C-alpha atoms as a PDB file:
ATOM      1  CA  MET A   1      41.892 -28.012 -12.671  1.00  0.00           C
ATOM      2  CA  ARG A   2      40.023 -29.442 -15.731  1.00  0.00           C
ATOM      3  CA  ILE A   3      39.629 -27.145 -18.945  1.00  0.00           C
ATOM      4  CA  ASN A   4      37.532 -28.311 -21.943  1.00  0.00           C
ATOM      5  CA  GLN A   5      38.564 -27.159 -25.033  1.00  0.00           C
ATOM      6  CA  LYS A   6      35.950 -27.428 -27.877  1.00  0.00           C
ATOM      7  CA  ASP A   7      36.262 -27.824 -31.496  1.00  0.00           C
ATOM      8  CA  MET A   8      33.948 -25.336 -33.046  1.00  0.00           C
ATOM      9  CA  GLU A   9      33.154 -27.294 -36.064  1.00  0.00           C
ATOM     10  CA  THR A  10      31.345 -29.628 -33.800  1.00  0.00           C
ATOM     11  CA  ARG A  11      29.341 -26.830 -32.127  1.00  0.00           C
ATOM     12  CA  ALA A  12      27.537 -25.319 -35.280  1.00  0.00           C
ATOM     13  CA  SER A  13      24.429 -24.703 -33.310  1.00  0.00           C
ATOM     14  CA  VAL A  14      26.101 -22.203 -30.951  1.00  0.00           C
ATOM     15  CA  GLU A  15      26.371 -18.725 -32.150  1.00  0.00           C
ATOM     16  CA  PHE A  16      29.606 -16.750 -31.430  1.00  0.00           C
ATOM     17  CA  PRO A  17      28.467 -13.522 -29.727  1.00  0.00           C
ATOM     18  CA  GLY A  18      30.372 -11.215 -32.095  1.00  0.00           C
ATOM     19  CA  LYS A  19      29.766 -13.341 -35.204  1.00  0.00           C
ATOM     20  CA  ASP A  20      29.136 -10.203 -37.334  1.00  0.00           C
ATOM     21  CA  ILE A  21      32.553  -8.755 -36.527  1.00  0.00           C
ATOM     22  CA  ILE A  22      34.697 -11.403 -38.134  1.00  0.00           C
ATOM     23  CA  PRO A  23      32.299 -13.111 -40.646  1.00  0.00           C
ATOM     24  CA  ASN A  24      35.095 -15.786 -41.881  1.00  0.00           C
ATOM     25  CA  PRO A  25      37.761 -16.104 -39.054  1.00  0.00           C
ATOM     26  CA  LEU A  26      41.022 -17.909 -39.788  1.00  0.00           C
ATOM     27  CA  LEU A  27      41.373 -18.977 -36.101  1.00  0.00           C
ATOM     28  CA  GLU A  28      38.582 -19.979 -33.808  1.00  0.00           C
ATOM     29  CA  VAL A  29      39.026 -21.313 -30.110  1.00  0.00           C
ATOM     30  CA  TYR A  30      36.830 -22.261 -27.364  1.00  0.00           C
ATOM     31  CA  TYR A  31      37.379 -23.053 -23.764  1.00  0.00           C
ATOM     32  CA  GLU A  32      35.236 -23.570 -20.786  1.00  0.00           C
ATOM     33  CA  ILE A  33      35.460 -24.222 -17.071  1.00  0.00           C
ATOM     34  CA  ASP A  34      32.782 -24.752 -14.237  1.00  0.00           C
ATOM     35  CA  VAL A  35      33.054 -22.523 -11.491  1.00  0.00           C
ATOM     36  CA  GLN A  36      31.577 -23.455  -7.986  1.00  0.00           C
ATOM     37  CA  SER A  37      29.671 -20.116  -7.658  1.00  0.00           C
ATOM     38  CA  THR A  38      27.151 -17.877  -9.309  1.00  0.00           C
ATOM     39  CA  ALA A  39      27.357 -15.697 -12.326  1.00  0.00           C
ATOM     40  CA  ALA A  40      27.127 -12.553 -10.171  1.00  0.00           C
ATOM     41  CA  ALA A  41      30.230 -13.654  -8.181  1.00  0.00           C
ATOM     42  CA  VAL A  42      32.267 -14.098 -11.256  1.00  0.00           C
ATOM     43  CA  TRP A  43      31.100 -11.150 -13.204  1.00  0.00           C
ATOM     44  CA  PRO A  44      33.277  -8.511 -11.110  1.00  0.00           C
ATOM     45  CA  TRP A  45      36.356 -10.473 -11.955  1.00  0.00           C
ATOM     46  CA  ILE A  46      35.699 -10.360 -15.645  1.00  0.00           C
ATOM     47  CA  LYS A  47      34.928  -6.697 -15.588  1.00  0.00           C
ATOM     48  CA  GLN A  48      38.294  -5.711 -14.180  1.00  0.00           C
ATOM     49  CA  LEU A  49      40.380  -7.673 -16.659  1.00  0.00           C
ATOM     50  CA  GLY A  50      43.236  -5.734 -18.195  1.00  0.00           C
ATOM     51  CA  TYR A  51      46.802  -4.388 -18.094  1.00  0.00           C
ATOM     52  CA  HIS A  52      47.382  -2.868 -14.600  1.00  0.00           C
ATOM     53  CA  ARG A  53      43.671  -3.339 -13.809  1.00  0.00           C
ATOM     54  CA  GLY A  54      42.864  -6.788 -12.412  1.00  0.00           C
ATOM     55  CA  GLY A  55      45.290  -8.299 -14.750  1.00  0.00           C
ATOM     56  CA  TRP A  56      44.680 -11.445 -16.709  1.00  0.00           C
ATOM     57  CA  TYR A  57      44.901 -13.724 -13.498  1.00  0.00           C
ATOM     58  CA  ILE A  58      47.750 -15.830 -14.995  1.00  0.00           C
ATOM     59  CA  ASP A  59      49.634 -16.915 -11.682  1.00  0.00           C
ATOM     60  CA  THR A  60      52.374 -19.082 -13.296  1.00  0.00           C
ATOM     61  CA  LYS A  61      56.031 -17.663 -13.163  1.00  0.00           C
ATOM     62  CA  TRP A  62      56.254 -18.054 -16.960  1.00  0.00           C
ATOM     63  CA  ASP A  63      53.944 -15.031 -17.396  1.00  0.00           C
ATOM     64  CA  LYS A  64      56.412 -12.810 -15.724  1.00  0.00           C
ATOM     65  CA  TYR A  65      59.400 -14.294 -17.654  1.00  0.00           C
ATOM     66  CA  ILE A  66      57.479 -13.590 -20.835  1.00  0.00           C
ATOM     67  CA  GLN A  67      57.004  -9.919 -19.997  1.00  0.00           C
ATOM     68  CA  LYS A  68      60.655  -9.538 -19.116  1.00  0.00           C
ATOM     69  CA  TYR A  69      62.443 -11.642 -21.784  1.00  0.00           C
ATOM     70  CA  PHE A  70      60.085 -12.323 -24.767  1.00  0.00           C
ATOM     71  CA  TRP A  71      58.109  -9.252 -25.497  1.00  0.00           C
ATOM     72  CA  PRO A  72      61.322  -7.014 -25.740  1.00  0.00           C
ATOM     73  CA  LEU A  73      62.386  -9.006 -28.774  1.00  0.00           C
ATOM     74  CA  VAL A  74      59.361  -7.769 -30.728  1.00  0.00           C
ATOM     75  CA  VAL A  75      57.654  -4.749 -28.857  1.00  0.00           C
ATOM     76  CA  PRO A  76      59.171  -1.292 -29.114  1.00  0.00           C
ATOM     77  CA  LYS A  77      60.529   0.116 -25.807  1.00  0.00           C
ATOM     78  CA  ASN A  78      57.570   2.470 -25.469  1.00  0.00           C
ATOM     79  CA  ALA A  79      55.085  -0.164 -25.748  1.00  0.00           C
ATOM     80  CA  ARG A  80      56.577  -2.886 -23.381  1.00  0.00           C
ATOM     81  CA  GLY A  81      54.931  -2.033 -20.013  1.00  0.00           C
ATOM     82  CA  PHE A  82      56.138  -3.882 -17.113  1.00  0.00           C
ATOM     83  CA  TYR A  83      54.863  -6.955 -15.045  1.00  0.00           C
ATOM     84  CA  LYS A  84      52.339  -6.306 -12.116  1.00  0.00           C
ATOM     85  CA  PRO A  85      50.852  -9.419 -10.312  1.00  0.00           C
ATOM     86  CA  PRO A  86      47.204 -10.058 -11.063  1.00  0.00           C
ATOM     87  CA  ALA A  87      44.610  -8.852  -8.571  1.00  0.00           C
ATOM     88  CA  ASP A  88      43.400 -11.237  -5.750  1.00  0.00           C
ATOM     89  CA  LYS A  89      40.404  -8.980  -4.796  1.00  0.00           C
ATOM     90  CA  ILE A  90      37.584  -7.014  -6.446  1.00  0.00           C
ATOM     91  CA  LEU A  91      38.711  -3.489  -7.430  1.00  0.00           C
ATOM     92  CA  PRO A  92      35.757  -1.097  -7.253  1.00  0.00           C
ATOM     93  CA  GLU A  93      37.464   1.490  -9.487  1.00  0.00           C
ATOM     94  CA  TYR A  94      37.103  -1.037 -12.575  1.00  0.00           C
ATOM     95  CA  GLN A  95      33.483  -2.165 -12.026  1.00  0.00           C
ATOM     96  CA  ASN A  96      31.703   0.595 -14.111  1.00  0.00           C
ATOM     97  CA  LEU A  97      32.619  -0.895 -17.506  1.00  0.00           C
ATOM     98  CA  THR A  98      30.323  -0.045 -20.489  1.00  0.00           C
ATOM     99  CA  ALA A  99      30.220  -0.373 -24.376  1.00  0.00           C
ATOM    100  CA  GLY A 100      32.896   1.439 -26.051  1.00  0.00           C
ATOM    101  CA  ASP A 101      35.319   1.516 -23.108  1.00  0.00           C
ATOM    102  CA  LEU A 102      38.867   0.590 -23.738  1.00  0.00           C
ATOM    103  CA  ILE A 103      40.629  -2.070 -21.900  1.00  0.00           C
ATOM    104  CA  PRO A 104      44.561  -1.667 -22.020  1.00  0.00           C
ATOM    105  CA  ASP A 105      46.638  -4.830 -22.918  1.00  0.00           C
ATOM    106  CA  GLY A 106      49.963  -2.465 -22.533  1.00  0.00           C
ATOM    107  CA  PRO A 107      51.002   0.852 -21.614  1.00  0.00           C
ATOM    108  CA  PRO A 108      49.208   3.966 -23.068  1.00  0.00           C
ATOM    109  CA  ASN A 109      49.407   4.176 -26.935  1.00  0.00           C
ATOM    110  CA  SER A 110      50.092   0.413 -27.221  1.00  0.00           C
ATOM    111  CA  ALA A 111      47.603  -2.543 -27.535  1.00  0.00           C
ATOM    112  CA  TYR A 112      44.093  -2.372 -26.100  1.00  0.00           C
ATOM    113  CA  TYR A 113      40.663  -3.806 -26.508  1.00  0.00           C
ATOM    114  CA  GLN A 114      37.291  -2.052 -27.054  1.00  0.00           C
ATOM    115  CA  VAL A 115      34.225  -3.391 -25.288  1.00  0.00           C
ATOM    116  CA  VAL A 116      31.732  -3.863 -28.057  1.00  0.00           C
ATOM    117  CA  ASP A 117      28.966  -5.763 -26.090  1.00  0.00           C
ATOM    118  CA  ILE A 118      28.468  -6.083 -22.276  1.00  0.00           C
ATOM    119  CA  LYS A 119      25.571  -7.770 -20.470  1.00  0.00           C
ATOM    120  CA  GLU A 120      25.497  -7.832 -16.507  1.00  0.00           C
ATOM    121  CA  ASN A 121      26.420 -11.159 -15.364  1.00  0.00           C
ATOM    122  CA  GLN A 122      26.292 -12.835 -18.708  1.00  0.00           C
ATOM    123  CA  LEU A 123      28.493 -11.403 -21.483  1.00  0.00           C
ATOM    124  CA  LEU A 124      31.497  -9.295 -22.288  1.00  0.00           C
ATOM    125  CA  VAL A 125      32.702  -9.031 -25.899  1.00  0.00           C
ATOM    126  CA  LEU A 126      35.918  -7.449 -26.821  1.00  0.00           C
ATOM    127  CA  HIS A 127      37.398  -6.242 -30.101  1.00  0.00           C
ATOM    128  CA  ALA A 128      40.982  -5.478 -30.940  1.00  0.00           C
ATOM    129  CA  THR A 129      43.124  -4.543 -33.883  1.00  0.00           C
ATOM    130  CA  SER A 130      46.219  -2.952 -32.137  1.00  0.00           C
ATOM    131  CA  HIS A 131      47.917  -6.202 -31.401  1.00  0.00           C
ATOM    132  CA  PHE A 132      49.093  -7.309 -34.654  1.00  0.00           C
ATOM    133  CA  LYS A 133      51.702  -4.775 -35.095  1.00  0.00           C
ATOM    134  CA  TYR A 134      53.529  -6.365 -32.132  1.00  0.00           C
ATOM    135  CA  MET A 135      53.500  -9.977 -33.805  1.00  0.00           C
ATOM    136  CA  ALA A 136      56.615  -9.600 -35.740  1.00  0.00           C
ATOM    137  CA  PRO A 137      60.077  -8.290 -35.269  1.00  0.00           C
ATOM    138  CA  ASN A 138      60.624  -4.459 -35.456  1.00  0.00           C
ATOM    139  CA  PHE A 139      62.263  -4.551 -38.826  1.00  0.00           C
ATOM    140  CA  MET A 140      58.884  -5.767 -40.554  1.00  0.00           C
ATOM    141  CA  TYR A 141      56.621  -3.011 -39.232  1.00  0.00           C
ATOM    142  CA  LYS A 142      56.973  -0.710 -42.429  1.00  0.00           C
ATOM    143  CA  THR A 143      57.050  -3.565 -44.878  1.00  0.00           C
ATOM    144  CA  ARG A 144      54.218  -5.213 -46.944  1.00  0.00           C
ATOM    145  CA  PHE A 145      54.886  -8.373 -44.788  1.00  0.00           C
ATOM    146  CA  ALA A 146      53.810  -6.488 -41.534  1.00  0.00           C
ATOM    147  CA  PRO A 147      50.958  -8.406 -39.866  1.00  0.00           C
ATOM    148  CA  LYS A 148      47.527  -6.964 -39.883  1.00  0.00           C
ATOM    149  CA  GLY A 149      44.320  -8.348 -38.409  1.00  0.00           C
ATOM    150  CA  GLN A 150      41.502  -8.183 -35.829  1.00  0.00           C
ATOM    151  CA  PHE A 151      40.062 -10.527 -33.148  1.00  0.00           C
ATOM    152  CA  CYS A 152      37.063 -10.693 -31.123  1.00  0.00           C
ATOM    153  CA  TRP A 153      37.181 -12.218 -27.663  1.00  0.00           C
ATOM    154  CA  ALA A 154      34.040 -13.228 -25.696  1.00  0.00           C
ATOM    155  CA  PHE A 155      33.507 -14.232 -22.047  1.00  0.00           C
ATOM    156  CA  LEU A 156      30.179 -16.029 -21.556  1.00  0.00           C
ATOM    157  CA  LEU A 157      28.542 -16.902 -18.079  1.00  0.00           C
ATOM    158  CA  GLN A 158      25.826 -19.534 -18.000  1.00  0.00           C
ATOM    159  CA  GLN A 159      24.307 -20.649 -14.788  1.00  0.00           C
ATOM    160  CA  GLN A 160      24.306 -24.441 -14.734  1.00  0.00           C
ATOM    161  CA  ASN A 161      22.408 -24.880 -11.282  1.00  0.00           C
ATOM    162  CA  LYS A 162      22.392 -22.736  -8.044  1.00  0.00           C
ATOM    163  CA  ASP A 163      25.806 -23.830  -7.271  1.00  0.00           C
ATOM    164  CA  VAL A 164      27.762 -23.959 -10.614  1.00  0.00           C
ATOM    165  CA  VAL A 165      28.417 -21.447 -13.313  1.00  0.00           C
ATOM    166  CA  ARG A 166      30.153 -22.251 -16.527  1.00  0.00           C
ATOM    167  CA  LEU A 167      32.692 -19.640 -17.791  1.00  0.00           C
ATOM    168  CA  THR A 168      33.550 -19.792 -21.526  1.00  0.00           C
ATOM    169  CA  SER A 169      36.426 -17.867 -23.321  1.00  0.00           C
ATOM    170  CA  TRP A 170      35.848 -17.714 -26.878  1.00  0.00           C
ATOM    171  CA  LEU A 171      37.879 -16.146 -29.652  1.00  0.00           C
ATOM    172  CA  GLN A 172      37.871 -15.592 -33.348  1.00  0.00           C
ATOM    173  CA  ALA A 173      40.662 -13.949 -35.363  1.00  0.00           C
ATOM    174  CA  GLU A 174      41.639 -13.076 -38.846  1.00  0.00           C
ATOM    175  CA  ALA A 175      45.085 -11.928 -39.843  1.00  0.00           C
ATOM    176  CA  TYR A 176      47.203 -10.995 -42.984  1.00  0.00           C
ATOM    177  CA  PRO A 177      49.424 -11.694 -44.857  1.00  0.00           C
ATOM    178  CA  GLU A 178      47.067 -14.876 -44.836  1.00  0.00           C
ATOM    179  CA  LEU A 179      49.668 -17.346 -45.961  1.00  0.00           C
ATOM    180  CA  MET A 180      51.926 -16.329 -42.966  1.00  0.00           C
ATOM    181  CA  PHE A 181      49.187 -16.563 -40.529  1.00  0.00           C
ATOM    182  CA  ARG A 182      48.189 -19.921 -41.635  1.00  0.00           C
ATOM    183  CA  LEU A 183      51.890 -21.131 -41.426  1.00  0.00           C
ATOM    184  CA  LEU A 184      52.047 -19.657 -37.931  1.00  0.00           C
ATOM    185  CA  LYS A 185      48.579 -20.824 -36.928  1.00  0.00           C
ATOM    186  CA  PRO A 186      49.822 -23.764 -34.890  1.00  0.00           C
ATOM    187  CA  PHE A 187      52.049 -21.517 -32.811  1.00  0.00           C
ATOM    188  CA  PHE A 188      49.335 -19.046 -32.207  1.00  0.00           C
ATOM    189  CA  LYS A 189      46.881 -21.692 -31.021  1.00  0.00           C
ATOM    190  CA  LEU A 190      49.541 -23.168 -28.589  1.00  0.00           C
ATOM    191  CA  VAL A 191      50.310 -19.784 -27.059  1.00  0.00           C
ATOM    192  CA  ASP A 192      46.482 -18.955 -26.991  1.00  0.00           C
ATOM    193  CA  ARG A 193      45.737 -22.205 -25.252  1.00  0.00           C
ATOM    194  CA  LEU A 194      48.380 -21.615 -22.477  1.00  0.00           C
ATOM    195  CA  HIS A 195      47.216 -18.180 -21.788  1.00  0.00           C
ATOM    196  CA  GLN A 196      43.418 -18.728 -21.927  1.00  0.00           C
ATOM    197  CA  GLN A 197      43.423 -21.702 -19.865  1.00  0.00           C
ATOM    198  CA  GLN A 198      45.504 -19.985 -17.264  1.00  0.00           C
ATOM    199  CA  ILE A 199      43.146 -16.983 -17.222  1.00  0.00           C
ATOM    200  CA  LEU A 200      40.038 -19.257 -16.706  1.00  0.00           C
ATOM    201  CA  VAL A 201      41.811 -21.144 -13.879  1.00  0.00           C
ATOM    202  CA  GLY A 202      42.777 -17.939 -12.439  1.00  0.00           C
ATOM    203  CA  ILE A 203      39.370 -16.658 -12.279  1.00  0.00           C
ATOM    204  CA  LYS A 204      37.957 -19.822 -11.015  1.00  0.00           C
ATOM    205  CA  ARG A 205      40.612 -19.909  -8.260  1.00  0.00           C
ATOM    206  CA  ARG A 206      39.830 -16.393  -7.079  1.00  0.00           C
ATOM    207  CA  VAL A 207      36.115 -16.846  -7.112  1.00  0.00           C
ATOM    208  CA  GLU A 208      35.850 -20.040  -5.277  1.00  0.00           C
ATOM    209  CA  LYS A 209      38.535 -18.668  -2.659  1.00  0.00           C
ATOM    210  CA  ASN A 210      36.346 -15.434  -1.943  1.00  0.00           C
ATOM    211  CA  THR A 211      32.835 -17.182  -2.001  1.00  0.00           C
END
């Protein structure tokens, strides 16, 4: 399936929905995909995103392998969680999402997102600071080199015509130590691209299959 990746420097006329959260991001990426459906049909799948909710809709085997083999290298045992296949149906218990709610990205007391803006059938904006302590080996956690930062992740829905809706995933981030982050930026962009593309494809596949 086709995924467009946009260079944000070419889209200066477009405002990021959470632009006031991170005024000067060190990383900014933007992906979009067209779904043969309506915004109202896509929206429930977005609202149930999250660890052991609807999941992240990544259907490739490597997601399971990352959970099993990679994260144990950097994430403390009590924060690793375990793999659960993403949902293939709408889950009513996760449809009452509101601003201020927390969306887990791991087991309790580990990584999570907070909903900072939500507009029905249009927009979901998430903010996170808890992920960065898991982006380095355990021995770095209590040193001055321990990574810190925040990122803002937005999902936008724009109805192109009665049969097509454009789903956009847009992320901005800042992290410190800044020099370390800049050196690792190509790696983060690669990982982010692999994950975000699969998320959008997974949503598209489910929506079009169920409508």
